[in-house]
Amino acid sequence: GWVNGIIQFDGQNWSLMDPTFAANAGEKELKNFI
């Protein structure tokens, strides 16, 4: 179905796909935010 998280998959949950933040994030906290 509609997936708002394609980038990380832990077997159950997807993380939100956001190409801008993903390209420019360098902080662990920001990655968790995404």
ModelCIF file with pLDDT and N, C-alpha, C, O atoms, coordinates in Angstrom:
data_MODEL
#
_entry.id   MODEL 
#
_entity.id                         1 
_entity.type                       polymer 
_entity.pdbx_number_of_molecules   1 
#
_entity_poly.entity_id                      1 
_entity_poly.type                           'polypeptide(L)' 
_entity_poly.nstd_linkage                   no 
_entity_poly.nstd_monomer                   no 
_entity_poly.pdbx_seq_one_letter_code       GWVNGIIQFDGQNWSLMDPTFAANAGEKELKNFI 
_entity_poly.pdbx_seq_one_letter_code_can   GWVNGIIQFDGQNWSLMDPTFAANAGEKELKNFI 
_entity_poly.pdbx_strand_id                 A 
#
loop_
_entity_poly_seq.entity_id 
_entity_poly_seq.num 
_entity_poly_seq.mon_id 
_entity_poly_seq.hetero 
1 1  GLY n 
1 2  TRP n 
1 3  VAL n 
1 4  ASN n 
1 5  GLY n 
1 6  ILE n 
1 7  ILE n 
1 8  GLN n 
1 9  PHE n 
1 10 ASP n 
1 11 GLY n 
1 12 GLN n 
1 13 ASN n 
1 14 TRP n 
1 15 SER n 
1 16 LEU n 
1 17 MET n 
1 18 ASP n 
1 19 PRO n 
1 20 THR n 
1 21 PHE n 
1 22 ALA n 
1 23 ALA n 
1 24 ASN n 
1 25 ALA n 
1 26 GLY n 
1 27 GLU n 
1 28 LYS n 
1 29 GLU n 
1 30 LEU n 
1 31 LYS n 
1 32 ASN n 
1 33 PHE n 
1 34 ILE n 
#
_struct_asym.id          A 
_struct_asym.entity_id   1 
#
loop_
_ma_qa_metric.id 
_ma_qa_metric.mode 
_ma_qa_metric.name 
_ma_qa_metric.software_group_id 
_ma_qa_metric.type 
1 global pLDDT . pLDDT 
2 local  pLDDT . pLDDT 
#
_ma_qa_metric_global.metric_id      1 
_ma_qa_metric_global.metric_value   47.29 
_ma_qa_metric_global.model_id       1 
_ma_qa_metric_global.ordinal_id     1 
#
loop_
_ma_qa_metric_local.label_asym_id 
_ma_qa_metric_local.label_comp_id 
_ma_qa_metric_local.label_seq_id 
_ma_qa_metric_local.metric_id 
_ma_qa_metric_local.metric_value 
_ma_qa_metric_local.model_id 
_ma_qa_metric_local.ordinal_id 
A GLY 1  2 77.00 1 1  
A TRP 2  2 77.00 1 2  
A VAL 3  2 69.00 1 3  
A ASN 4  2 59.00 1 4  
A GLY 5  2 40.00 1 5  
A ILE 6  2 42.00 1 6  
A ILE 7  2 36.00 1 7  
A GLN 8  2 36.00 1 8  
A PHE 9  2 32.00 1 9  
A ASP 10 2 35.00 1 10 
A GLY 11 2 32.00 1 11 
A GLN 12 2 35.00 1 12 
A ASN 13 2 37.00 1 13 
A TRP 14 2 35.00 1 14 
A SER 15 2 42.00 1 15 
A LEU 16 2 41.00 1 16 
A MET 17 2 47.00 1 17 
A ASP 18 2 50.00 1 18 
A PRO 19 2 51.00 1 19 
A THR 20 2 52.00 1 20 
A PHE 21 2 51.00 1 21 
A ALA 22 2 51.00 1 22 
A ALA 23 2 53.00 1 23 
A ASN 24 2 55.00 1 24 
A ALA 25 2 50.00 1 25 
A GLY 26 2 48.00 1 26 
A GLU 27 2 44.00 1 27 
A LYS 28 2 48.00 1 28 
A GLU 29 2 47.00 1 29 
A LEU 30 2 44.00 1 30 
A LYS 31 2 47.00 1 31 
A ASN 32 2 51.00 1 32 
A PHE 33 2 48.00 1 33 
A ILE 34 2 46.00 1 34 
#
loop_
_atom_site.group_PDB 
_atom_site.id 
_atom_site.type_symbol 
_atom_site.label_atom_id 
_atom_site.label_alt_id 
_atom_site.label_comp_id 
_atom_site.label_asym_id 
_atom_site.label_entity_id 
_atom_site.label_seq_id 
_atom_site.pdbx_PDB_ins_code 
_atom_site.Cartn_x 
_atom_site.Cartn_y 
_atom_site.Cartn_z 
_atom_site.occupancy 
_atom_site.B_iso_or_equiv 
_atom_site.pdbx_formal_charge 
_atom_site.auth_seq_id 
_atom_site.auth_comp_id 
_atom_site.auth_asym_id 
_atom_site.auth_atom_id 
_atom_site.pdbx_PDB_model_num 
ATOM 1   N N  . GLY A 1 1  ? 0.832  -1.198 0.000  1.00 77.00 ? 1  GLY A N  1 
ATOM 2   C CA . GLY A 1 1  ? 0.000  0.000  0.000  1.00 77.00 ? 1  GLY A CA 1 
ATOM 3   C C  . GLY A 1 1  ? 0.868  1.250  0.000  1.00 77.00 ? 1  GLY A C  1 
ATOM 4   O O  . GLY A 1 1  ? 2.038  1.202  -0.381 1.00 77.00 ? 1  GLY A O  1 
ATOM 5   N N  . TRP A 1 2  ? 0.293  2.366  0.427  1.00 77.00 ? 2  TRP A N  1 
ATOM 6   C CA . TRP A 1 2  ? 1.050  3.615  0.499  1.00 77.00 ? 2  TRP A CA 1 
ATOM 7   C C  . TRP A 1 2  ? 2.057  3.530  1.630  1.00 77.00 ? 2  TRP A C  1 
ATOM 8   O O  . TRP A 1 2  ? 1.695  3.276  2.779  1.00 77.00 ? 2  TRP A O  1 
ATOM 9   N N  . VAL A 1 3  ? 3.312  3.739  1.303  1.00 69.00 ? 3  VAL A N  1 
ATOM 10  C CA . VAL A 1 3  ? 4.395  3.610  2.264  1.00 69.00 ? 3  VAL A CA 1 
ATOM 11  C C  . VAL A 1 3  ? 5.074  4.957  2.448  1.00 69.00 ? 3  VAL A C  1 
ATOM 12  O O  . VAL A 1 3  ? 5.581  5.544  1.492  1.00 69.00 ? 3  VAL A O  1 
ATOM 13  N N  . ASN A 1 4  ? 5.079  5.442  3.681  1.00 59.00 ? 4  ASN A N  1 
ATOM 14  C CA . ASN A 1 4  ? 5.749  6.695  3.995  1.00 59.00 ? 4  ASN A CA 1 
ATOM 15  C C  . ASN A 1 4  ? 7.147  6.449  4.540  1.00 59.00 ? 4  ASN A C  1 
ATOM 16  O O  . ASN A 1 4  ? 7.768  7.364  5.080  1.00 59.00 ? 4  ASN A O  1 
ATOM 17  N N  . GLY A 1 5  ? 7.643  5.246  4.411  1.00 40.00 ? 5  GLY A N  1 
ATOM 18  C CA . GLY A 1 5  ? 8.983  4.956  4.882  1.00 40.00 ? 5  GLY A CA 1 
ATOM 19  C C  . GLY A 1 5  ? 9.573  3.818  4.097  1.00 40.00 ? 5  GLY A C  1 
ATOM 20  O O  . GLY A 1 5  ? 9.261  2.655  4.355  1.00 40.00 ? 5  GLY A O  1 
ATOM 21  N N  . ILE A 1 6  ? 10.417 4.132  3.145  1.00 42.00 ? 6  ILE A N  1 
ATOM 22  C CA . ILE A 1 6  ? 10.984 3.104  2.276  1.00 42.00 ? 6  ILE A CA 1 
ATOM 23  C C  . ILE A 1 6  ? 12.462 2.926  2.600  1.00 42.00 ? 6  ILE A C  1 
ATOM 24  O O  . ILE A 1 6  ? 13.051 1.901  2.257  1.00 42.00 ? 6  ILE A O  1 
ATOM 25  N N  . ILE A 1 7  ? 13.051 3.886  3.239  1.00 36.00 ? 7  ILE A N  1 
ATOM 26  C CA . ILE A 1 7  ? 14.511 3.947  3.276  1.00 36.00 ? 7  ILE A CA 1 
ATOM 27  C C  . ILE A 1 7  ? 15.125 2.990  4.277  1.00 36.00 ? 7  ILE A C  1 
ATOM 28  O O  . ILE A 1 7  ? 16.156 2.387  3.976  1.00 36.00 ? 7  ILE A O  1 
ATOM 29  N N  . GLN A 1 8  ? 14.550 2.824  5.435  1.00 36.00 ? 8  GLN A N  1 
ATOM 30  C CA . GLN A 1 8  ? 15.049 1.855  6.405  1.00 36.00 ? 8  GLN A CA 1 
ATOM 31  C C  . GLN A 1 8  ? 13.947 0.870  6.738  1.00 36.00 ? 8  GLN A C  1 
ATOM 32  O O  . GLN A 1 8  ? 12.795 1.258  6.930  1.00 36.00 ? 8  GLN A O  1 
ATOM 33  N N  . PHE A 1 9  ? 14.295 -0.391 6.807  1.00 32.00 ? 9  PHE A N  1 
ATOM 34  C CA . PHE A 1 9  ? 13.321 -1.428 7.092  1.00 32.00 ? 9  PHE A CA 1 
ATOM 35  C C  . PHE A 1 9  ? 13.880 -2.352 8.163  1.00 32.00 ? 9  PHE A C  1 
ATOM 36  O O  . PHE A 1 9  ? 14.967 -2.906 7.999  1.00 32.00 ? 9  PHE A O  1 
ATOM 37  N N  . ASP A 1 10 ? 13.154 -2.521 9.247  1.00 35.00 ? 10 ASP A N  1 
ATOM 38  C CA . ASP A 1 10 ? 13.665 -3.341 10.343 1.00 35.00 ? 10 ASP A CA 1 
ATOM 39  C C  . ASP A 1 10 ? 12.909 -4.662 10.466 1.00 35.00 ? 10 ASP A C  1 
ATOM 40  O O  . ASP A 1 10 ? 12.980 -5.340 11.491 1.00 35.00 ? 10 ASP A O  1 
ATOM 41  N N  . GLY A 1 11 ? 12.190 -5.011 9.409  1.00 32.00 ? 11 GLY A N  1 
ATOM 42  C CA . GLY A 1 11 ? 11.397 -6.230 9.433  1.00 32.00 ? 11 GLY A CA 1 
ATOM 43  C C  . GLY A 1 11 ? 9.927  -5.965 9.664  1.00 32.00 ? 11 GLY A C  1 
ATOM 44  O O  . GLY A 1 11 ? 9.078  -6.797 9.345  1.00 32.00 ? 11 GLY A O  1 
ATOM 45  N N  . GLN A 1 12 ? 9.625  -4.788 10.228 1.00 35.00 ? 12 GLN A N  1 
ATOM 46  C CA . GLN A 1 12 ? 8.230  -4.430 10.479 1.00 35.00 ? 12 GLN A CA 1 
ATOM 47  C C  . GLN A 1 12 ? 7.921  -3.000 10.058 1.00 35.00 ? 12 GLN A C  1 
ATOM 48  O O  . GLN A 1 12 ? 6.856  -2.739 9.500  1.00 35.00 ? 12 GLN A O  1 
ATOM 49  N N  . ASN A 1 13 ? 8.833  -2.073 10.315 1.00 37.00 ? 13 ASN A N  1 
ATOM 50  C CA . ASN A 1 13 ? 8.557  -0.655 10.132 1.00 37.00 ? 13 ASN A CA 1 
ATOM 51  C C  . ASN A 1 13 ? 9.469  -0.037 9.081  1.00 37.00 ? 13 ASN A C  1 
ATOM 52  O O  . ASN A 1 13 ? 10.646 -0.380 8.972  1.00 37.00 ? 13 ASN A O  1 
ATOM 53  N N  . TRP A 1 14 ? 8.898  0.876  8.317  1.00 35.00 ? 14 TRP A N  1 
ATOM 54  C CA . TRP A 1 14 ? 9.666  1.646  7.339  1.00 35.00 ? 14 TRP A CA 1 
ATOM 55  C C  . TRP A 1 14 ? 9.943  3.037  7.914  1.00 35.00 ? 14 TRP A C  1 
ATOM 56  O O  . TRP A 1 14 ? 9.125  3.583  8.654  1.00 35.00 ? 14 TRP A O  1 
ATOM 57  N N  . SER A 1 15 ? 11.097 3.601  7.571  1.00 42.00 ? 15 SER A N  1 
ATOM 58  C CA . SER A 1 15 ? 11.369 4.990  7.942  1.00 42.00 ? 15 SER A CA 1 
ATOM 59  C C  . SER A 1 15 ? 10.876 5.893  6.816  1.00 42.00 ? 15 SER A C  1 
ATOM 60  O O  . SER A 1 15 ? 10.727 5.446  5.679  1.00 42.00 ? 15 SER A O  1 
ATOM 61  N N  . LEU A 1 16 ? 10.623 7.161  7.129  1.00 41.00 ? 16 LEU A N  1 
ATOM 62  C CA . LEU A 1 16 ? 10.030 8.083  6.167  1.00 41.00 ? 16 LEU A CA 1 
ATOM 63  C C  . LEU A 1 16 ? 11.000 8.412  5.045  1.00 41.00 ? 16 LEU A C  1 
ATOM 64  O O  . LEU A 1 16 ? 12.156 8.747  5.305  1.00 41.00 ? 16 LEU A O  1 
ATOM 65  N N  . MET A 1 17 ? 10.550 8.321  3.816  1.00 47.00 ? 17 MET A N  1 
ATOM 66  C CA . MET A 1 17 ? 11.376 8.685  2.674  1.00 47.00 ? 17 MET A CA 1 
ATOM 67  C C  . MET A 1 17 ? 11.400 10.200 2.543  1.00 47.00 ? 17 MET A C  1 
ATOM 68  O O  . MET A 1 17 ? 10.358 10.829 2.355  1.00 47.00 ? 17 MET A O  1 
ATOM 69  N N  . ASP A 1 18 ? 12.572 10.777 2.641  1.00 50.00 ? 18 ASP A N  1 
ATOM 70  C CA . ASP A 1 18 ? 12.735 12.216 2.485  1.00 50.00 ? 18 ASP A CA 1 
ATOM 71  C C  . ASP A 1 18 ? 14.091 12.472 1.851  1.00 50.00 ? 18 ASP A C  1 
ATOM 72  O O  . ASP A 1 18 ? 15.088 12.549 2.569  1.00 50.00 ? 18 ASP A O  1 
ATOM 73  N N  . PRO A 1 19 ? 14.166 12.608 0.528  1.00 51.00 ? 19 PRO A N  1 
ATOM 74  C CA . PRO A 1 19 ? 15.462 12.700 -0.133 1.00 51.00 ? 19 PRO A CA 1 
ATOM 75  C C  . PRO A 1 19 ? 16.278 13.916 0.245  1.00 51.00 ? 19 PRO A C  1 
ATOM 76  O O  . PRO A 1 19 ? 17.506 13.848 0.189  1.00 51.00 ? 19 PRO A O  1 
ATOM 77  N N  . THR A 1 20 ? 15.661 15.039 0.631  1.00 52.00 ? 20 THR A N  1 
ATOM 78  C CA . THR A 1 20 ? 16.445 16.218 1.000  1.00 52.00 ? 20 THR A CA 1 
ATOM 79  C C  . THR A 1 20 ? 17.170 15.996 2.317  1.00 52.00 ? 20 THR A C  1 
ATOM 80  O O  . THR A 1 20 ? 18.389 16.152 2.384  1.00 52.00 ? 20 THR A O  1 
ATOM 81  N N  . PHE A 1 21 ? 16.436 15.632 3.368  1.00 51.00 ? 21 PHE A N  1 
ATOM 82  C CA . PHE A 1 21 ? 17.077 15.421 4.655  1.00 51.00 ? 21 PHE A CA 1 
ATOM 83  C C  . PHE A 1 21 ? 18.078 14.272 4.573  1.00 51.00 ? 21 PHE A C  1 
ATOM 84  O O  . PHE A 1 21 ? 19.143 14.335 5.186  1.00 51.00 ? 21 PHE A O  1 
ATOM 85  N N  . ALA A 1 22 ? 17.744 13.227 3.823  1.00 51.00 ? 22 ALA A N  1 
ATOM 86  C CA . ALA A 1 22 ? 18.634 12.078 3.743  1.00 51.00 ? 22 ALA A CA 1 
ATOM 87  C C  . ALA A 1 22 ? 19.948 12.449 3.078  1.00 51.00 ? 22 ALA A C  1 
ATOM 88  O O  . ALA A 1 22 ? 20.994 11.924 3.460  1.00 51.00 ? 22 ALA A O  1 
ATOM 89  N N  . ALA A 1 23 ? 19.926 13.326 2.108  1.00 53.00 ? 23 ALA A N  1 
ATOM 90  C CA . ALA A 1 23 ? 21.136 13.709 1.402  1.00 53.00 ? 23 ALA A CA 1 
ATOM 91  C C  . ALA A 1 23 ? 22.022 14.604 2.240  1.00 53.00 ? 23 ALA A C  1 
ATOM 92  O O  . ALA A 1 23 ? 23.237 14.614 2.043  1.00 53.00 ? 23 ALA A O  1 
ATOM 93  N N  . ASN A 1 24 ? 21.459 15.351 3.164  1.00 55.00 ? 24 ASN A N  1 
ATOM 94  C CA . ASN A 1 24 ? 22.216 16.383 3.856  1.00 55.00 ? 24 ASN A CA 1 
ATOM 95  C C  . ASN A 1 24 ? 22.388 16.157 5.353  1.00 55.00 ? 24 ASN A C  1 
ATOM 96  O O  . ASN A 1 24 ? 23.104 16.910 6.013  1.00 55.00 ? 24 ASN A O  1 
ATOM 97  N N  . ALA A 1 25 ? 21.743 15.136 5.894  1.00 50.00 ? 25 ALA A N  1 
ATOM 98  C CA . ALA A 1 25 ? 21.810 14.920 7.333  1.00 50.00 ? 25 ALA A CA 1 
ATOM 99  C C  . ALA A 1 25 ? 23.142 14.303 7.735  1.00 50.00 ? 25 ALA A C  1 
ATOM 100 O O  . ALA A 1 25 ? 23.631 13.374 7.092  1.00 50.00 ? 25 ALA A O  1 
ATOM 101 N N  . GLY A 1 26 ? 23.718 14.831 8.805  1.00 48.00 ? 26 GLY A N  1 
ATOM 102 C CA . GLY A 1 26 ? 24.939 14.271 9.320  1.00 48.00 ? 26 GLY A CA 1 
ATOM 103 C C  . GLY A 1 26 ? 24.873 13.979 10.800 1.00 48.00 ? 26 GLY A C  1 
ATOM 104 O O  . GLY A 1 26 ? 25.850 13.503 11.376 1.00 48.00 ? 26 GLY A O  1 
ATOM 105 N N  . GLU A 1 27 ? 23.751 14.251 11.427 1.00 44.00 ? 27 GLU A N  1 
ATOM 106 C CA . GLU A 1 27 ? 23.594 14.080 12.858 1.00 44.00 ? 27 GLU A CA 1 
ATOM 107 C C  . GLU A 1 27 ? 22.683 12.886 13.146 1.00 44.00 ? 27 GLU A C  1 
ATOM 108 O O  . GLU A 1 27 ? 21.651 12.707 12.500 1.00 44.00 ? 27 GLU A O  1 
ATOM 109 N N  . LYS A 1 28 ? 23.079 12.084 14.113 1.00 48.00 ? 28 LYS A N  1 
ATOM 110 C CA . LYS A 1 28 ? 22.282 10.917 14.473 1.00 48.00 ? 28 LYS A CA 1 
ATOM 111 C C  . LYS A 1 28 ? 20.868 11.318 14.863 1.00 48.00 ? 28 LYS A C  1 
ATOM 112 O O  . LYS A 1 28 ? 19.904 10.640 14.508 1.00 48.00 ? 28 LYS A O  1 
ATOM 113 N N  . GLU A 1 29 ? 20.746 12.432 15.602 1.00 47.00 ? 29 GLU A N  1 
ATOM 114 C CA . GLU A 1 29 ? 19.423 12.864 16.046 1.00 47.00 ? 29 GLU A CA 1 
ATOM 115 C C  . GLU A 1 29 ? 18.528 13.204 14.866 1.00 47.00 ? 29 GLU A C  1 
ATOM 116 O O  . GLU A 1 29 ? 17.327 12.936 14.887 1.00 47.00 ? 29 GLU A O  1 
ATOM 117 N N  . LEU A 1 30 ? 19.128 13.801 13.827 1.00 44.00 ? 30 LEU A N  1 
ATOM 118 C CA . LEU A 1 30 ? 18.335 14.175 12.665 1.00 44.00 ? 30 LEU A CA 1 
ATOM 119 C C  . LEU A 1 30 ? 17.884 12.935 11.903 1.00 44.00 ? 30 LEU A C  1 
ATOM 120 O O  . LEU A 1 30 ? 16.767 12.893 11.386 1.00 44.00 ? 30 LEU A O  1 
ATOM 121 N N  . LYS A 1 31 ? 18.752 11.921 11.830 1.00 47.00 ? 31 LYS A N  1 
ATOM 122 C CA . LYS A 1 31 ? 18.358 10.688 11.179 1.00 47.00 ? 31 LYS A CA 1 
ATOM 123 C C  . LYS A 1 31 ? 17.203 10.019 11.925 1.00 47.00 ? 31 LYS A C  1 
ATOM 124 O O  . LYS A 1 31 ? 16.285 9.476  11.311 1.00 47.00 ? 31 LYS A O  1 
ATOM 125 N N  . ASN A 1 32 ? 17.262 10.067 13.262 1.00 51.00 ? 32 ASN A N  1 
ATOM 126 C CA . ASN A 1 32 ? 16.159 9.529  14.041 1.00 51.00 ? 32 ASN A CA 1 
ATOM 127 C C  . ASN A 1 32 ? 14.878 10.311 13.798 1.00 51.00 ? 32 ASN A C  1 
ATOM 128 O O  . ASN A 1 32 ? 13.785 9.745  13.769 1.00 51.00 ? 32 ASN A O  1 
ATOM 129 N N  . PHE A 1 33 ? 15.026 11.619 13.625 1.00 48.00 ? 33 PHE A N  1 
ATOM 130 C CA . PHE A 1 33 ? 13.882 12.484 13.347 1.00 48.00 ? 33 PHE A CA 1 
ATOM 131 C C  . PHE A 1 33 ? 13.232 12.090 12.024 1.00 48.00 ? 33 PHE A C  1 
ATOM 132 O O  . PHE A 1 33 ? 12.006 12.017 11.929 1.00 48.00 ? 33 PHE A O  1 
ATOM 133 N N  . ILE A 1 34 ? 14.054 11.833 10.996 1.00 46.00 ? 34 ILE A N  1 
ATOM 134 C CA . ILE A 1 34 ? 13.530 11.433 9.698  1.00 46.00 ? 34 ILE A CA 1 
ATOM 135 C C  . ILE A 1 34 ? 12.717 10.154 9.813  1.00 46.00 ? 34 ILE A C  1 
ATOM 136 O O  . ILE A 1 34 ? 12.194 9.663  8.813  1.00 46.00 ? 34 ILE A O  1 
#
